[in-house]
Protein backbone atom coordinates (compact mmCIF):
# COMPACT_ATOMS: atom_id res chain seq x y z
CA UNK A 1 0.00 0.00 0.00
CA UNK A 2 2.89 2.37 0.68
CA UNK A 3 3.93 1.99 -3.00
CA UNK A 4 0.54 2.83 -4.50
CA UNK A 5 0.65 5.83 -6.80
CA UNK A 6 -2.75 6.86 -5.45
CA UNK A 7 -3.01 6.63 -1.70
CA UNK A 8 -6.37 5.91 -0.02
CA UNK A 9 -8.06 8.56 2.10
CA UNK A 10 -8.56 5.89 4.75
CA UNK A 11 -6.87 2.51 5.09
CA UNK A 12 -8.79 -0.02 7.16
CA UNK A 13 -7.21 -3.26 8.31
CA UNK A 14 -9.87 -5.84 9.19
CA UNK A 15 -7.99 -8.36 11.31
CA UNK A 16 -9.53 -11.74 12.17
CA UNK A 17 -6.29 -13.48 13.11
CA UNK A 18 -5.74 -15.31 16.38
CA UNK A 19 -2.67 -13.09 16.91
CA UNK A 20 -3.61 -9.58 15.70
CA UNK A 21 -0.97 -7.76 13.69
CA UNK A 22 0.65 -4.51 14.81
CA UNK A 23 -0.27 -1.68 12.46
CA UNK A 24 2.29 1.15 12.27
CA UNK A 25 1.25 3.28 9.27
CA UNK A 26 -1.83 5.03 10.63
CA UNK A 27 -4.35 2.39 9.57
CA UNK A 28 -7.76 2.09 11.19
CA UNK A 29 -7.30 -1.34 12.81
CA UNK A 30 -10.50 -3.35 13.34
CA UNK A 31 -9.91 -6.55 15.34
CA UNK A 32 -12.35 -9.45 15.62
CA UNK A 33 -10.78 -12.69 16.84
CA UNK A 34 -14.08 -14.42 17.62
CA UNK A 35 -14.70 -16.14 14.28
CA UNK A 36 -13.42 -19.60 13.34
CA UNK A 37 -11.04 -20.04 10.38
CA UNK A 38 -12.57 -20.21 6.92
CA UNK A 39 -15.46 -18.58 5.14
CA UNK A 40 -17.13 -17.08 8.20
CA UNK A 41 -13.89 -15.40 9.24
CA UNK A 42 -13.51 -13.96 5.74
CA UNK A 43 -17.11 -12.70 5.81
CA UNK A 44 -16.69 -11.16 9.26
CA UNK A 45 -13.56 -9.29 8.16
CA UNK A 46 -15.40 -7.84 5.15
CA UNK A 47 -18.39 -6.77 7.24
CA UNK A 48 -16.15 -5.16 9.87
CA UNK A 49 -14.27 -3.29 7.18
CA UNK A 50 -17.47 -2.09 5.51
CA UNK A 51 -18.84 -0.85 8.83
CA UNK A 52 -15.78 1.35 9.30
CA UNK A 53 -15.51 2.67 5.73
CA UNK A 54 -16.75 6.20 5.00
CA UNK A 55 -15.41 6.85 1.48
CA UNK A 56 -17.24 7.01 -1.85
CA UNK A 57 -15.15 4.21 -3.36
CA UNK A 58 -14.21 1.02 -1.50
CA UNK A 59 -11.16 -0.88 -2.77
CA UNK A 60 -10.64 -4.38 -1.39
CA UNK A 61 -7.04 -5.46 -0.83
CA UNK A 62 -6.09 -8.85 0.60
CA UNK A 63 -3.02 -9.18 2.75
CA UNK A 64 -1.46 -12.18 1.01
CA UNK A 65 -1.68 -10.99 -2.60
CA UNK A 66 0.67 -8.88 -4.73
CA UNK A 67 -0.49 -5.49 -6.08
CA UNK A 68 1.24 -3.36 -8.69
CA UNK A 69 1.77 0.27 -7.61
CA UNK A 70 -0.89 1.51 -10.07
CA UNK A 71 -3.64 -0.84 -8.86
CA UNK A 72 -5.66 1.59 -6.72
CA UNK A 73 -5.26 4.39 -9.26
CA UNK A 74 -6.51 2.30 -12.17
CA UNK A 75 -9.62 1.19 -10.27
CA UNK A 76 -10.33 4.75 -9.11
CA UNK A 77 -10.02 6.07 -12.68
CA UNK A 78 -12.75 3.70 -13.88
CA UNK A 79 -14.99 4.49 -10.93
CA UNK A 80 -14.66 8.21 -11.57
CA UNK A 81 -15.98 7.64 -15.09
CA UNK A 82 -19.26 6.50 -13.54
CA UNK A 83 -18.85 2.72 -13.19
CA UNK A 84 -20.37 1.57 -9.85
CA UNK A 85 -18.37 -1.64 -9.64
CA UNK A 86 -14.96 -2.21 -11.17
CA UNK A 87 -12.25 -4.87 -11.31
CA UNK A 88 -8.74 -5.23 -12.57
CA UNK A 89 -7.58 -7.75 -15.13
CA UNK A 90 -9.96 -10.00 -17.09
CA UNK A 91 -7.53 -12.89 -16.57
CA UNK A 92 -6.70 -13.93 -13.03
CA UNK A 93 -3.11 -14.82 -12.19
CA UNK A 94 -2.50 -17.26 -9.36
CA UNK A 95 0.82 -18.37 -7.93
CA UNK A 96 1.40 -21.08 -5.33
CA UNK A 97 4.58 -20.19 -3.46
CA UNK A 98 4.73 -23.51 -1.59
CA UNK A 99 4.74 -25.56 -4.81
CA UNK A 100 6.29 -22.97 -7.17
CA UNK A 101 3.66 -23.18 -9.84
CA UNK A 102 1.20 -20.81 -11.50
CA UNK A 103 -2.17 -20.76 -13.23
CA UNK A 104 -4.09 -18.35 -15.46
CA UNK A 105 -7.89 -18.36 -15.18
CA UNK A 106 -10.55 -16.59 -17.22
CA UNK A 107 -12.27 -13.97 -15.11
CA UNK A 108 -16.06 -13.79 -15.42
CA UNK A 109 -16.30 -11.12 -12.75
CA UNK A 110 -13.51 -10.27 -10.33
CA UNK A 111 -12.18 -11.77 -7.14
CA UNK A 112 -12.69 -9.57 -4.08
CA UNK A 113 -8.93 -8.93 -4.10
CA UNK A 114 -9.37 -7.21 -7.49
CA UNK A 115 -12.62 -5.38 -6.79
CA UNK A 116 -13.75 -1.84 -5.97
CA UNK A 117 -17.35 -0.69 -5.48
CA UNK A 118 -19.11 2.61 -5.11
CA UNK A 119 -20.41 3.27 -1.60
CA UNK A 120 -23.99 3.08 -2.91
CA UNK A 121 -23.50 -0.68 -3.34
CA UNK A 122 -22.51 -1.30 0.29
CA UNK A 123 -26.00 -2.58 1.23
CA UNK A 124 -25.95 -5.04 -1.69
CA UNK A 125 -22.53 -6.36 -0.73
CA UNK A 126 -23.52 -6.64 2.92
CA UNK A 127 -26.52 -8.81 2.00
CA UNK A 128 -24.32 -11.02 -0.18
CA UNK A 129 -21.74 -11.41 2.57
CA UNK A 130 -24.33 -12.37 5.19
CA UNK A 131 -25.92 -14.92 2.87
CA UNK A 132 -22.53 -16.50 2.12
CA UNK A 133 -21.61 -16.55 5.79
CA UNK A 134 -24.87 -18.33 6.65
CA UNK A 135 -24.02 -21.17 4.29
CA UNK A 136 -20.26 -21.08 5.06
CA UNK A 137 -19.40 -20.13 1.48
CA UNK A 138 -16.40 -18.24 0.10
CA UNK A 139 -18.40 -17.36 -3.04
CA UNK A 140 -18.92 -13.70 -2.16
CA UNK A 141 -17.38 -12.44 -5.39
CA UNK A 142 -19.51 -14.64 -7.68
CA UNK A 143 -22.69 -13.84 -5.74
CA UNK A 144 -21.88 -10.14 -5.98
CA UNK A 145 -21.58 -10.41 -9.79
CA UNK A 146 -25.05 -11.97 -9.88
CA UNK A 147 -26.61 -9.49 -7.45
CA UNK A 148 -25.30 -6.41 -9.27
CA UNK A 149 -25.52 -7.62 -12.85
CA UNK A 150 -22.71 -8.02 -15.32
CA UNK A 151 -23.70 -4.93 -17.31
CA UNK A 152 -22.57 -2.70 -14.43
CA UNK A 153 -19.06 -4.17 -14.28
CA UNK A 154 -16.02 -2.56 -15.90
CA UNK A 155 -12.44 -3.85 -16.07
CA UNK A 156 -9.21 -1.88 -16.25
CA UNK A 157 -7.60 -4.51 -18.46
CA UNK A 158 -4.31 -3.93 -16.61
CA UNK A 159 -2.50 -6.85 -15.04
CA UNK A 160 -2.00 -5.52 -11.53
CA UNK A 161 -2.79 -8.38 -9.11
CA UNK A 162 -1.25 -11.79 -8.43
CA UNK A 163 -3.23 -14.06 -6.12
CA UNK A 164 -0.65 -15.70 -3.87
CA UNK A 165 -1.41 -19.17 -2.53
CA UNK A 166 0.39 -21.75 -0.43
CA UNK A 167 1.50 -19.32 2.29
CA UNK A 168 1.48 -19.95 6.06
CA UNK A 169 -1.48 -18.81 8.13
CA UNK A 170 -5.07 -19.69 8.91
CA UNK A 171 -6.91 -21.92 6.48
CA UNK A 172 -8.79 -19.88 3.89
CA UNK A 173 -9.83 -19.86 0.25
CA UNK A 174 -6.33 -20.98 -0.71
CA UNK A 175 -7.31 -24.59 0.00
CA UNK A 176 -9.41 -24.36 -3.17
CA UNK A 177 -6.28 -23.60 -5.18
CA UNK A 178 -4.26 -26.75 -4.61
CA UNK A 179 -2.01 -27.35 -7.62
CA UNK A 180 -3.14 -29.97 -10.12
CA UNK A 181 -2.58 -30.67 -13.82
CA UNK A 182 -3.93 -27.22 -14.72
CA UNK A 183 -0.99 -25.52 -12.97
CA UNK A 184 2.43 -25.02 -14.60
CA UNK A 185 5.68 -25.52 -12.72
CA UNK A 186 8.00 -22.56 -12.09
CA UNK A 187 10.90 -24.10 -10.13
CA UNK A 188 13.28 -21.16 -10.54
CA UNK A 189 10.67 -18.41 -9.92
CA UNK A 190 11.12 -17.14 -13.50
CA UNK A 191 7.39 -16.58 -14.07
CA UNK A 192 6.92 -14.96 -10.67
CA UNK A 193 9.82 -12.58 -11.32
CA UNK A 194 8.27 -11.67 -14.67
CA UNK A 195 5.02 -10.84 -12.88
CA UNK A 196 6.25 -9.02 -9.77
CA UNK A 197 9.95 -8.33 -10.24
CA UNK A 198 12.44 -8.64 -7.38
CA UNK A 199 9.62 -9.05 -4.85
CA UNK A 200 9.53 -12.66 -6.01
CA UNK A 201 12.42 -13.37 -3.65
CA UNK A 202 10.11 -12.65 -0.69
CA UNK A 203 8.18 -15.82 -1.52
CA UNK A 204 11.18 -18.11 -2.12
CA UNK A 205 11.45 -19.32 1.52
CA UNK A 206 7.94 -20.81 1.48
CA UNK A 207 8.71 -23.59 -1.00
CA UNK A 208 8.01 -27.10 0.30
CA UNK A 209 9.88 -30.16 -1.03
CA UNK A 210 8.20 -31.66 -4.08
CA UNK A 211 7.07 -35.26 -3.74
CA UNK A 212 6.53 -37.09 -7.05
CA UNK A 213 4.30 -40.15 -7.16
């Protein structure tokens, strides 16, 4: 966030970890350690963040993903042209640091980590989050696409996010991104360096030994 070419007016950290982080850059730190790991924890973090947000545009940033410095600016530019809900690239890039492999997926909406919405859509998103929490579902992004309608979406077309998987921490949506035949190996981090530059070295220590059948 410190690198973003357009800084947010307010930066809210919704923290559902068992050991809350220490925020040192003036963030509004919202802590809720009462939810179990998984979809309900994810939903609770989103609801807590929404309750604290006061801006006209809400940009969702996840703590384990990579963001190019122009990410916030590119979403804000689209929103300022009148689009109520915007996303970044139409192709999602995923990288599993533990297994050093990557995958490209067609994007029929946008993951929450790539999404920004106008404040007028907060009630819609809140309803979607509560419904997903009730059925213990991570599908908040897909349900939001349906609730809002595809015609209201706009995409920057810029490749600014890499969804990082296979990192330590509480169990989350990453369990749905276990590498299989659809993933390509990247043993020397060449693809990750092409995507995020020298920051790729930050993920090198998380590799686990490969076990071939």
